Amino acid sequence: MEFPAAGDMNCRVTIKDWQDVPNAYAGIDQQMTQPKTVWAKRETVGAAIRQGSAQINELVTDRFFIRYRKALKDRLTKDSRFYVGNTEFMVRSCNNLNHADVWLVIECEEIGELYE
């Protein structure tokens, strides 16, 4: 996989993590952490990747490239959510592109539109 060019970073992405927190009624509340906004390159994956990921119940619909940050790589888990406009994505995997500490490749599943 090749590195993206600087001009390819044309998508503003907001990253949030959810945490399950016990409440006073012996239940669990979901809270979102402080959002982090970064520039990214967004690309839709091909049919072969989509088909292969669907077969193992880890559907991947989109791939995001963002600048490498160790703290961000450690933070991104399957409890992380990406927001592009009103569209929500669930993180499926986060990898260091070519182990060069320059780009992170995040594969996501599109969950859908947010209605507020």
C-alpha atoms as a PDB file:
ATOM      1  CA  MET A   1       0.000   0.000   0.000  1.00  0.00           C
ATOM      2  CA  GLU A   2       1.339   3.420  -0.909  1.00  0.00           C
ATOM      3  CA  PHE A   3       1.531   6.485   1.294  1.00  0.00           C
ATOM      4  CA  PRO A   4      -1.135   9.132   0.640  1.00  0.00           C
ATOM      5  CA  ALA A   5      -0.064  12.537  -0.643  1.00  0.00           C
ATOM      6  CA  ALA A   6      -0.602  15.597   1.551  1.00  0.00           C
ATOM      7  CA  GLY A   7      -3.360  16.872  -0.770  1.00  0.00           C
ATOM      8  CA  ASP A   8      -5.324  13.649  -0.277  1.00  0.00           C
ATOM      9  CA  MET A   9      -6.180  14.612   3.304  1.00  0.00           C
ATOM     10  CA  ASN A  10      -9.521  16.219   2.466  1.00  0.00           C
ATOM     11  CA  CYS A  11     -11.896  14.683   5.004  1.00  0.00           C
ATOM     12  CA  ARG A  12     -12.452  16.058   8.517  1.00  0.00           C
ATOM     13  CA  VAL A  13     -12.960  13.179  10.983  1.00  0.00           C
ATOM     14  CA  THR A  14     -14.075  13.388  14.611  1.00  0.00           C
ATOM     15  CA  ILE A  15     -12.945  10.474  16.784  1.00  0.00           C
ATOM     16  CA  LYS A  16     -14.800   9.528  19.969  1.00  0.00           C
ATOM     17  CA  ASP A  17     -14.535   6.557  22.317  1.00  0.00           C
ATOM     18  CA  TRP A  18     -17.358   5.220  24.380  1.00  0.00           C
ATOM     19  CA  GLN A  19     -17.031   3.987  27.909  1.00  0.00           C
ATOM     20  CA  ASP A  20     -19.509   1.974  29.945  1.00  0.00           C
ATOM     21  CA  VAL A  21     -19.929   3.622  33.356  1.00  0.00           C
ATOM     22  CA  PRO A  22     -22.021   2.199  36.220  1.00  0.00           C
ATOM     23  CA  ASN A  23     -24.942   4.369  37.266  1.00  0.00           C
ATOM     24  CA  ALA A  24     -26.865   4.745  40.533  1.00  0.00           C
ATOM     25  CA  TYR A  25     -29.573   2.299  39.420  1.00  0.00           C
ATOM     26  CA  ALA A  26     -27.261  -0.737  39.089  1.00  0.00           C
ATOM     27  CA  GLY A  27     -27.192  -0.232  35.356  1.00  0.00           C
ATOM     28  CA  ILE A  28     -24.669   1.020  32.838  1.00  0.00           C
ATOM     29  CA  ASP A  29     -24.541   4.378  31.098  1.00  0.00           C
ATOM     30  CA  GLN A  30     -22.608   4.899  27.899  1.00  0.00           C
ATOM     31  CA  GLN A  31     -20.478   8.022  27.874  1.00  0.00           C
ATOM     32  CA  MET A  32     -18.464   9.412  25.004  1.00  0.00           C
ATOM     33  CA  THR A  33     -14.959  10.727  25.634  1.00  0.00           C
ATOM     34  CA  GLN A  34     -13.659  14.108  24.566  1.00  0.00           C
ATOM     35  CA  PRO A  35     -13.699  14.246  20.748  1.00  0.00           C
ATOM     36  CA  LYS A  36     -10.486  14.467  18.734  1.00  0.00           C
ATOM     37  CA  THR A  37     -10.713  16.000  15.245  1.00  0.00           C
ATOM     38  CA  VAL A  38      -8.133  15.151  12.571  1.00  0.00           C
ATOM     39  CA  TRP A  39      -7.698  15.374   8.807  1.00  0.00           C
ATOM     40  CA  ALA A  40      -7.965  12.096   6.941  1.00  0.00           C
ATOM     41  CA  LYS A  41      -8.063  10.524   3.529  1.00  0.00           C
ATOM     42  CA  ARG A  42     -11.215   8.441   3.104  1.00  0.00           C
ATOM     43  CA  GLU A  43     -11.586   5.694   0.558  1.00  0.00           C
ATOM     44  CA  THR A  44     -14.253   3.091   0.016  1.00  0.00           C
ATOM     45  CA  VAL A  45     -12.922  -0.457  -0.002  1.00  0.00           C
ATOM     46  CA  GLY A  46     -13.377  -2.722  -2.992  1.00  0.00           C
ATOM     47  CA  ALA A  47     -15.915  -5.494  -3.361  1.00  0.00           C
ATOM     48  CA  ALA A  48     -13.400  -8.258  -2.587  1.00  0.00           C
ATOM     49  CA  ILE A  49     -12.447  -6.748   0.786  1.00  0.00           C
ATOM     50  CA  ARG A  50     -16.069  -6.054   1.646  1.00  0.00           C
ATOM     51  CA  GLN A  51     -17.084  -9.628   0.726  1.00  0.00           C
ATOM     52  CA  GLY A  52     -14.171 -11.200   2.625  1.00  0.00           C
ATOM     53  CA  SER A  53     -14.782  -9.136   5.746  1.00  0.00           C
ATOM     54  CA  ALA A  54     -18.509  -9.919   5.681  1.00  0.00           C
ATOM     55  CA  GLN A  55     -17.749 -13.640   5.708  1.00  0.00           C
ATOM     56  CA  ILE A  56     -16.013 -13.331   9.084  1.00  0.00           C
ATOM     57  CA  ASN A  57     -18.595 -10.879  10.515  1.00  0.00           C
ATOM     58  CA  GLU A  58     -16.091  -8.006  10.604  1.00  0.00           C
ATOM     59  CA  LEU A  59     -17.594  -5.900   7.810  1.00  0.00           C
ATOM     60  CA  VAL A  60     -15.256  -3.219   6.435  1.00  0.00           C
ATOM     61  CA  THR A  61     -16.807  -0.524   4.246  1.00  0.00           C
ATOM     62  CA  ASP A  62     -14.310   2.343   4.395  1.00  0.00           C
ATOM     63  CA  ARG A  63     -10.629   2.947   5.001  1.00  0.00           C
ATOM     64  CA  PHE A  64      -9.200   6.115   6.560  1.00  0.00           C
ATOM     65  CA  PHE A  65      -5.578   7.289   6.452  1.00  0.00           C
ATOM     66  CA  ILE A  66      -4.445   9.700   9.174  1.00  0.00           C
ATOM     67  CA  ARG A  67      -1.053  10.950  10.324  1.00  0.00           C
ATOM     68  CA  TYR A  68       0.660   8.592  12.761  1.00  0.00           C
ATOM     69  CA  ARG A  69       0.389   9.471  16.427  1.00  0.00           C
ATOM     70  CA  LYS A  70       1.335   6.813  18.951  1.00  0.00           C
ATOM     71  CA  ALA A  71      -1.192   8.073  21.501  1.00  0.00           C
ATOM     72  CA  LEU A  72      -3.930   7.928  18.872  1.00  0.00           C
ATOM     73  CA  LYS A  73      -2.938   4.432  17.732  1.00  0.00           C
ATOM     74  CA  ASP A  74      -3.095   3.194  21.316  1.00  0.00           C
ATOM     75  CA  ARG A  75      -6.480   4.889  21.803  1.00  0.00           C
ATOM     76  CA  LEU A  76      -8.242   3.435  18.740  1.00  0.00           C
ATOM     77  CA  THR A  77     -10.117   0.246  19.599  1.00  0.00           C
ATOM     78  CA  LYS A  78     -13.362  -1.368  18.540  1.00  0.00           C
ATOM     79  CA  ASP A  79     -15.078   0.958  21.020  1.00  0.00           C
ATOM     80  CA  SER A  80     -13.958   3.955  18.957  1.00  0.00           C
ATOM     81  CA  ARG A  81     -16.263   5.778  16.567  1.00  0.00           C
ATOM     82  CA  PHE A  82     -15.433   7.967  13.591  1.00  0.00           C
ATOM     83  CA  TYR A  83     -17.825  10.716  12.532  1.00  0.00           C
ATOM     84  CA  VAL A  84     -17.707  12.300   9.085  1.00  0.00           C
ATOM     85  CA  GLY A  85     -20.464  14.861   8.884  1.00  0.00           C
ATOM     86  CA  ASN A  86     -23.583  12.983  10.028  1.00  0.00           C
ATOM     87  CA  THR A  87     -22.212   9.531   9.214  1.00  0.00           C
ATOM     88  CA  GLU A  88     -20.975   7.250  12.006  1.00  0.00           C
ATOM     89  CA  PHE A  89     -18.312   4.558  11.535  1.00  0.00           C
ATOM     90  CA  MET A  90     -17.200   1.784  13.910  1.00  0.00           C
ATOM     91  CA  VAL A  91     -13.453   1.083  13.978  1.00  0.00           C
ATOM     92  CA  ARG A  92     -12.607  -2.490  12.961  1.00  0.00           C
ATOM     93  CA  SER A  93      -8.791  -2.255  12.861  1.00  0.00           C
ATOM     94  CA  CYS A  94      -5.978   0.270  13.164  1.00  0.00           C
ATOM     95  CA  ASN A  95      -2.560  -0.412  11.623  1.00  0.00           C
ATOM     96  CA  ASN A  96       0.734   1.395  11.173  1.00  0.00           C
ATOM     97  CA  LEU A  97       1.148   1.642   7.376  1.00  0.00           C
ATOM     98  CA  ASN A  98       4.332  -0.226   6.337  1.00  0.00           C
ATOM     99  CA  HIS A  99       5.583   0.057   9.966  1.00  0.00           C
ATOM    100  CA  ALA A 100       7.019   3.449   9.046  1.00  0.00           C
ATOM    101  CA  ASP A 101       5.398   5.507  11.853  1.00  0.00           C
ATOM    102  CA  VAL A 102       4.079   7.987   9.262  1.00  0.00           C
ATOM    103  CA  TRP A 103       0.472   6.920   8.573  1.00  0.00           C
ATOM    104  CA  LEU A 104      -2.246   5.014  10.384  1.00  0.00           C
ATOM    105  CA  VAL A 105      -4.695   2.988   8.318  1.00  0.00           C
ATOM    106  CA  ILE A 106      -8.042   2.598  10.035  1.00  0.00           C
ATOM    107  CA  GLU A 107     -10.578   0.196   8.576  1.00  0.00           C
ATOM    108  CA  CYS A 108     -14.166   0.956   9.566  1.00  0.00           C
ATOM    109  CA  GLU A 109     -17.720  -0.228   9.159  1.00  0.00           C
ATOM    110  CA  GLU A 110     -20.305   2.398   8.291  1.00  0.00           C
ATOM    111  CA  ILE A 111     -23.057   2.290  10.902  1.00  0.00           C
ATOM    112  CA  GLY A 112     -25.303   4.920   9.370  1.00  0.00           C
ATOM    113  CA  GLU A 113     -26.553   8.465   9.531  1.00  0.00           C
ATOM    114  CA  LEU A 114     -27.089  10.305  12.803  1.00  0.00           C
ATOM    115  CA  TYR A 115     -30.404  12.067  13.177  1.00  0.00           C
ATOM    116  CA  GLU A 116     -30.581  14.846  15.705  1.00  0.00           C
END
